[in-house]
Amino acid sequence: MKRREFITLIGGMAAMWPLAARAQQAAMPVIGFLSSTSPEVYASRLRAFTQGLKEEGYIKGQNVAIEYRWAGDDDDRLPVLAAELVHRQVTVIVAGGSGASAAAKAATATIPIVFETASDPVTFGLVASLNRPGGNLTGVTNLNIEVAQKRLELLRELLPAATIIAVLVNPSAPTITEQFTRDLQAAAPALGLQLRFLHASTDRDLDSAFEALGQLRADALVIGPYQFFNSRMERIGALSLRHAVPTIFLYRKFVAAGGLMSYGADEAETFRLVGNSTGKILKGANPGDLPVQRATKVELIINLKTAKALGIAVPLALSGRADEVIE
């Protein structure tokens, strides 16, 4: 081959390389990740999610891309954000939480959706059944609503003289509130407890709710399973300390911030399973044929320093059952 022909050939190949790179990038599947809260709240969940993807052979930035849409605790934005992902023609949508799941379902009947929720997805209208979801949705449920009764039992064990328990719920999530309050009300009489419900959907509501605890003469407080509260775990932990009220919530971060106890789903297990289901769909599985998975692992965390500050002696049997004791 003559030198001039060789240079022409190399030049032509060099011109084609960017085109080939763009074609390869365009062929990479894209996951649209939709959440009603913020990336800071989801940091540990995202790590577990990408681990679940990796277990199915997908690594972010290598053979799959992820586009995020965060509503910043404003659920009214979710339909618009979901529509953006549909317009973007992502390969699959991952929806974190009940609000995001409902918005994704309303936005598309064709793009596969993997949801994560504490609600019953059948009652909530996401799928036809757990074993055969049908349509374009499947997902993972956790036990954060179902273990509501257990939280009351833990407070009763910790505070045997307690009679009045306040419960903080978010009225802007009526489906979760209905199931959560129903389960608590069914369990309370057998434990000799009376419930008083407080409502909060804004930061000002949170302050007012904690200020009302004294008037209610509440012996303790149960925080409900809502994304709005999840994004304010440290704030709620500080409020519970300031108002000297024994409080139980869902996650370790709340206890690390000064809250007394947490009992709830293991976030890592839940979102690893979400990643697994998403990876299976990327491989070609039909979401309607993938059974909804249930994350069954729960954790009990106790802050002994907070207990001491509140003048509470944690029974040895209770601390011995804890997955972690913060001292």
Protein backbone atom coordinates (compact mmCIF):
# COMPACT_ATOMS: atom_id res chain seq x y z
CA MET A 1 0.00 0.00 0.00
CA LYS A 2 1.32 3.43 -0.97
CA ARG A 3 2.03 5.95 1.75
CA ARG A 4 -0.67 8.36 0.52
CA GLU A 5 -3.30 5.59 0.45
CA PHE A 6 -2.29 4.51 3.95
CA ILE A 7 -2.68 8.03 5.34
CA THR A 8 -6.08 8.36 3.65
CA LEU A 9 -7.20 5.05 5.18
CA ILE A 10 -6.07 6.00 8.67
CA GLY A 11 -7.72 9.39 8.36
CA GLY A 12 -10.99 7.79 7.35
CA MET A 13 -10.87 5.37 10.28
CA ALA A 14 -10.13 8.22 12.69
CA ALA A 15 -13.15 10.10 11.40
CA MET A 16 -15.30 7.05 12.03
CA TRP A 17 -14.15 6.50 15.63
CA PRO A 18 -16.28 9.32 17.14
CA LEU A 19 -19.30 7.99 15.22
CA ALA A 20 -18.69 4.50 16.54
CA ALA A 21 -18.28 5.82 20.08
CA ARG A 22 -21.54 7.76 19.83
CA ALA A 23 -23.32 4.71 18.47
CA GLN A 24 -22.04 2.60 21.34
CA GLN A 25 -23.13 5.25 23.84
CA ALA A 26 -26.57 5.49 22.25
CA ALA A 27 -26.95 1.73 22.51
CA MET A 28 -26.26 1.76 26.26
CA PRO A 29 -29.51 1.23 28.21
CA VAL A 30 -30.64 4.10 30.40
CA ILE A 31 -32.35 3.73 33.77
CA GLY A 32 -34.56 6.60 34.85
CA PHE A 33 -34.53 6.88 38.66
CA LEU A 34 -37.50 8.80 40.10
CA SER A 35 -37.85 9.82 43.75
CA SER A 36 -39.96 12.27 45.71
CA THR A 37 -37.08 13.30 47.94
CA SER A 38 -33.36 14.15 47.49
CA PRO A 39 -30.10 12.37 46.57
CA GLU A 40 -28.77 12.96 50.10
CA VAL A 41 -31.60 10.90 51.60
CA TYR A 42 -31.07 8.17 49.02
CA ALA A 43 -27.28 7.92 49.26
CA SER A 44 -27.15 4.52 51.00
CA ARG A 45 -30.07 3.23 48.95
CA LEU A 46 -28.34 4.15 45.71
CA ARG A 47 -25.24 2.23 46.78
CA ALA A 48 -27.38 -0.83 47.44
CA PHE A 49 -29.24 -0.34 44.15
CA THR A 50 -26.04 -0.25 42.09
CA GLN A 51 -24.83 -3.34 43.96
CA GLY A 52 -28.01 -5.14 42.93
CA LEU A 53 -27.44 -4.07 39.33
CA LYS A 54 -23.85 -5.33 39.51
CA GLU A 55 -25.07 -8.73 40.69
CA GLU A 56 -27.04 -8.91 37.44
CA GLY A 57 -24.03 -7.86 35.36
CA TYR A 58 -24.66 -4.12 34.99
CA ILE A 59 -22.17 -1.47 36.09
CA LYS A 60 -23.05 2.21 36.00
CA GLY A 61 -21.02 4.05 33.38
CA GLN A 62 -19.77 0.86 31.72
CA ASN A 63 -22.80 -0.90 30.29
CA VAL A 64 -25.70 1.08 31.78
CA ALA A 65 -26.46 4.76 32.41
CA ILE A 66 -28.69 6.25 35.11
CA GLU A 67 -30.60 9.52 34.90
CA TYR A 68 -32.02 10.85 38.17
CA ARG A 69 -35.11 12.94 38.83
CA TRP A 70 -35.54 14.27 42.39
CA ALA A 71 -38.74 16.02 43.50
CA GLY A 72 -37.19 17.56 46.62
CA ASP A 73 -40.14 16.54 48.87
CA ASP A 74 -42.64 18.17 46.52
CA ASP A 75 -44.85 15.34 45.29
CA ASP A 76 -46.66 17.72 42.94
CA ARG A 77 -43.51 17.69 40.78
CA LEU A 78 -43.50 13.92 40.33
CA PRO A 79 -45.85 13.74 37.30
CA VAL A 80 -43.71 16.27 35.41
CA LEU A 81 -40.48 14.46 36.30
CA ALA A 82 -41.96 11.12 35.30
CA ALA A 83 -43.06 12.62 31.97
CA GLU A 84 -39.50 13.83 31.40
CA LEU A 85 -38.18 10.29 31.75
CA VAL A 86 -40.83 8.99 29.36
CA HIS A 87 -39.93 11.71 26.84
CA ARG A 88 -36.27 10.76 27.31
CA GLN A 89 -37.30 7.22 26.29
CA VAL A 90 -35.39 5.56 29.10
CA THR A 91 -35.16 1.78 29.04
CA VAL A 92 -36.70 1.28 32.47
CA ILE A 93 -37.99 3.54 35.25
CA VAL A 94 -37.13 2.88 38.90
CA ALA A 95 -39.58 4.56 41.27
CA GLY A 96 -38.64 5.00 44.92
CA GLY A 97 -41.66 5.35 47.20
CA SER A 98 -45.43 5.20 46.71
CA GLY A 99 -45.78 8.70 45.26
CA ALA A 100 -43.09 8.17 42.65
CA SER A 101 -44.52 4.74 41.81
CA ALA A 102 -47.99 6.14 41.18
CA ALA A 103 -46.58 8.97 39.05
CA ALA A 104 -44.52 6.56 36.95
CA LYS A 105 -47.49 4.26 36.39
CA ALA A 106 -49.65 7.19 35.28
CA ALA A 107 -46.93 8.41 32.89
CA THR A 108 -46.46 5.26 30.81
CA ALA A 109 -48.06 1.91 30.06
CA THR A 110 -45.16 0.69 27.92
CA ILE A 111 -41.82 1.51 29.58
CA PRO A 112 -41.01 -1.11 32.26
CA ILE A 113 -41.26 0.19 35.84
CA VAL A 114 -39.64 -1.21 38.99
CA PHE A 115 -41.19 0.28 42.12
CA GLU A 116 -40.24 0.29 45.80
CA THR A 117 -42.97 0.84 48.36
CA ALA A 118 -44.12 0.02 51.87
CA SER A 119 -47.75 0.04 50.71
CA ASP A 120 -49.59 -3.03 49.51
CA PRO A 121 -49.03 -2.63 45.73
CA VAL A 122 -52.28 -4.46 44.92
CA THR A 123 -54.42 -2.28 47.19
CA PHE A 124 -52.50 0.76 45.97
CA GLY A 125 -53.40 -0.15 42.38
CA LEU A 126 -49.88 -0.67 41.05
CA VAL A 127 -50.23 -4.35 40.08
CA ALA A 128 -52.95 -6.93 39.64
CA SER A 129 -51.28 -9.47 41.93
CA LEU A 130 -47.95 -10.06 43.65
CA ASN A 131 -47.11 -13.30 41.83
CA ARG A 132 -48.28 -12.16 38.38
CA PRO A 133 -48.13 -8.35 38.36
CA GLY A 134 -49.18 -8.02 34.71
CA GLY A 135 -48.74 -4.84 32.71
CA ASN A 136 -45.42 -3.00 32.77
CA LEU A 137 -44.75 -2.94 36.52
CA THR A 138 -43.04 -5.07 39.13
CA GLY A 139 -41.09 -4.14 42.22
CA VAL A 140 -40.16 -4.65 45.84
CA THR A 141 -42.16 -4.10 49.01
CA ASN A 142 -40.83 -3.71 52.54
CA LEU A 143 -42.38 -4.25 55.95
CA ASN A 144 -42.33 -0.68 57.24
CA ILE A 145 -46.13 -0.48 57.44
CA GLU A 146 -46.71 -4.07 58.49
CA VAL A 147 -44.39 -3.88 61.51
CA ALA A 148 -46.25 -0.88 62.96
CA GLN A 149 -47.69 -3.09 65.69
CA LYS A 150 -44.20 -4.26 66.62
CA ARG A 151 -43.14 -0.65 67.23
CA LEU A 152 -45.93 -0.31 69.79
CA GLU A 153 -44.83 -3.55 71.43
CA LEU A 154 -41.26 -2.29 71.68
CA LEU A 155 -42.41 0.94 73.32
CA ARG A 156 -44.55 -1.04 75.76
CA GLU A 157 -41.55 -3.20 76.65
CA LEU A 158 -39.37 -0.14 77.12
CA LEU A 159 -42.01 1.90 78.98
CA PRO A 160 -44.27 -0.51 80.87
CA ALA A 161 -46.12 2.34 82.62
CA ALA A 162 -46.97 4.16 79.37
CA THR A 163 -50.65 4.67 78.57
CA ILE A 164 -50.76 7.33 75.84
CA ILE A 165 -48.77 7.05 72.61
CA ALA A 166 -48.72 9.84 70.03
CA VAL A 167 -48.47 8.89 66.38
CA LEU A 168 -47.15 11.29 63.73
CA VAL A 169 -48.66 10.78 60.25
CA ASN A 170 -48.54 12.66 56.97
CA PRO A 171 -52.05 13.51 55.68
CA SER A 172 -50.72 14.12 52.17
CA ALA A 173 -50.24 10.33 51.78
CA PRO A 174 -53.74 9.03 52.56
CA THR A 175 -53.28 5.46 51.34
CA ILE A 176 -50.28 4.81 53.58
CA THR A 177 -51.92 6.66 56.47
CA GLU A 178 -55.08 4.57 56.28
CA GLN A 179 -53.25 1.25 56.41
CA PHE A 180 -50.72 2.42 59.02
CA THR A 181 -53.29 3.87 61.42
CA ARG A 182 -55.63 0.90 61.00
CA ASP A 183 -52.89 -1.54 62.04
CA LEU A 184 -51.91 0.58 65.05
CA GLN A 185 -55.49 1.04 66.22
CA ALA A 186 -56.06 -2.71 66.03
CA ALA A 187 -53.01 -3.43 68.19
CA ALA A 188 -53.27 -0.68 70.81
CA PRO A 189 -56.12 -2.01 73.06
CA ALA A 190 -54.41 -5.35 73.70
CA LEU A 191 -51.32 -3.46 74.85
CA GLY A 192 -53.32 -1.16 77.12
CA LEU A 193 -52.43 1.90 75.05
CA GLN A 194 -54.40 4.90 73.84
CA LEU A 195 -53.33 6.57 70.60
CA ARG A 196 -53.30 10.26 69.77
CA PHE A 197 -52.68 11.18 66.13
CA LEU A 198 -50.71 14.23 65.02
CA HIS A 199 -50.37 15.46 61.43
CA ALA A 200 -47.41 16.97 59.62
CA SER A 201 -46.66 17.61 55.97
CA THR A 202 -44.47 20.74 56.35
CA ASP A 203 -41.58 21.76 58.57
CA ARG A 204 -43.85 24.12 60.47
CA ASP A 205 -46.23 21.21 61.08
CA LEU A 206 -43.36 19.21 62.58
CA ASP A 207 -42.61 21.95 65.11
CA SER A 208 -46.29 22.25 66.01
CA ALA A 209 -46.68 18.49 66.41
CA PHE A 210 -43.82 18.22 68.88
CA GLU A 211 -45.08 21.25 70.81
CA ALA A 212 -48.48 19.53 71.13
CA LEU A 213 -47.02 16.44 72.81
CA GLY A 214 -47.06 18.05 76.24
CA GLN A 215 -50.75 18.94 75.96
CA LEU A 216 -51.52 15.38 74.91
CA ARG A 217 -49.56 14.04 77.90
CA ALA A 218 -48.02 11.52 75.53
CA ASP A 219 -45.57 9.05 77.02
CA ALA A 220 -43.91 8.31 73.68
CA LEU A 221 -44.10 9.01 69.95
CA VAL A 222 -44.27 6.75 66.88
CA ILE A 223 -43.19 8.27 63.55
CA GLY A 224 -45.01 6.95 60.49
CA PRO A 225 -43.36 5.58 57.30
CA TYR A 226 -43.30 8.55 54.93
CA GLN A 227 -40.72 9.92 52.53
CA PHE A 228 -41.28 13.40 53.96
CA PHE A 229 -40.22 12.18 57.42
CA ASN A 230 -37.38 10.09 55.97
CA SER A 231 -35.80 13.23 54.54
CA ARG A 232 -35.95 14.86 57.99
CA MET A 233 -34.61 12.08 60.18
CA GLU A 234 -31.91 14.23 61.76
CA ARG A 235 -34.34 17.08 62.38
CA ILE A 236 -36.89 14.75 63.98
CA GLY A 237 -34.17 13.16 66.10
CA ALA A 238 -33.16 16.60 67.38
CA LEU A 239 -36.79 17.55 68.08
CA SER A 240 -37.39 14.37 70.05
CA LEU A 241 -34.37 15.16 72.20
CA ARG A 242 -35.36 18.80 72.67
CA HIS A 243 -38.87 17.85 73.78
CA ALA A 244 -37.61 14.87 75.82
CA VAL A 245 -40.00 12.39 74.24
CA PRO A 246 -39.09 8.72 73.66
CA THR A 247 -39.50 8.26 69.91
CA ILE A 248 -39.34 5.28 67.57
CA PHE A 249 -38.87 5.60 63.82
CA LEU A 250 -37.76 3.45 60.90
CA TYR A 251 -34.06 3.87 60.22
CA ARG A 252 -30.67 3.92 61.92
CA LYS A 253 -29.91 7.48 60.77
CA PHE A 254 -32.67 8.74 63.05
CA VAL A 255 -31.16 6.98 66.07
CA ALA A 256 -27.67 8.20 65.18
CA ALA A 257 -29.09 11.75 65.19
CA GLY A 258 -30.31 11.34 68.78
CA GLY A 259 -33.58 9.47 68.39
CA LEU A 260 -34.22 6.71 70.91
CA MET A 261 -35.09 3.68 68.76
CA SER A 262 -35.62 2.57 65.21
CA TYR A 263 -37.33 -0.54 63.94
CA GLY A 264 -37.80 -0.93 60.22
CA ALA A 265 -36.78 -2.41 56.93
CA ASP A 266 -33.14 -2.86 56.03
CA GLU A 267 -32.68 -0.25 53.27
CA ALA A 268 -29.71 -2.08 51.78
CA GLU A 269 -31.64 -5.31 51.29
CA THR A 270 -34.65 -3.50 49.82
CA PHE A 271 -32.76 -1.53 47.19
CA ARG A 272 -30.40 -4.36 46.34
CA LEU A 273 -33.51 -6.32 45.36
CA VAL A 274 -34.74 -3.32 43.34
CA GLY A 275 -31.40 -3.41 41.50
CA ASN A 276 -31.77 -7.14 40.89
CA SER A 277 -35.23 -6.73 39.34
CA THR A 278 -34.04 -3.82 37.20
CA GLY A 279 -31.10 -5.87 35.94
CA LYS A 280 -33.39 -8.74 34.99
CA ILE A 281 -35.57 -6.38 32.96
CA LEU A 282 -32.49 -4.96 31.21
CA LYS A 283 -31.68 -8.53 30.22
CA GLY A 284 -35.09 -8.83 28.59
CA ALA A 285 -37.44 -10.08 31.31
CA ASN A 286 -41.07 -8.95 31.11
CA PRO A 287 -41.91 -6.96 34.27
CA GLY A 288 -45.44 -8.32 34.28
CA ASP A 289 -44.02 -11.83 34.66
CA LEU A 290 -41.59 -10.96 37.49
CA PRO A 291 -43.19 -11.54 40.92
CA VAL A 292 -43.12 -8.60 43.30
CA GLN A 293 -40.37 -9.31 45.82
CA ARG A 294 -40.64 -8.69 49.55
CA ALA A 295 -37.70 -7.41 51.59
CA THR A 296 -38.17 -9.20 54.90
CA LYS A 297 -35.12 -8.12 56.89
CA VAL A 298 -35.77 -5.60 59.68
CA GLU A 299 -33.38 -3.90 62.11
CA LEU A 300 -33.72 -2.77 65.73
CA ILE A 301 -31.35 0.05 66.75
CA ILE A 302 -31.26 1.59 70.25
CA ASN A 303 -29.46 4.73 71.41
CA LEU A 304 -28.45 4.10 75.05
CA LYS A 305 -27.07 7.63 75.39
CA THR A 306 -30.47 9.07 74.53
CA ALA A 307 -32.18 6.61 76.85
CA LYS A 308 -29.97 7.78 79.71
CA ALA A 309 -30.70 11.43 78.90
CA LEU A 310 -34.43 10.64 79.06
CA GLY A 311 -34.05 8.75 82.33
CA ILE A 312 -35.01 5.43 80.75
CA ALA A 313 -33.44 2.15 81.80
CA VAL A 314 -33.40 -0.10 78.74
CA PRO A 315 -34.20 -3.69 79.75
CA LEU A 316 -31.29 -6.03 79.15
CA ALA A 317 -33.54 -8.41 77.21
CA LEU A 318 -34.45 -5.59 74.81
CA SER A 319 -30.92 -4.29 74.25
CA GLY A 320 -29.77 -7.88 73.80
CA ARG A 321 -32.15 -8.31 70.84
CA ALA A 322 -31.00 -5.11 69.15
CA ASP A 323 -29.06 -5.34 65.91
CA GLU A 324 -27.03 -2.36 67.10
CA VAL A 325 -26.71 -0.41 70.32
CA ILE A 326 -25.36 3.13 70.08
CA GLU A 327 -23.52 4.22 73.21
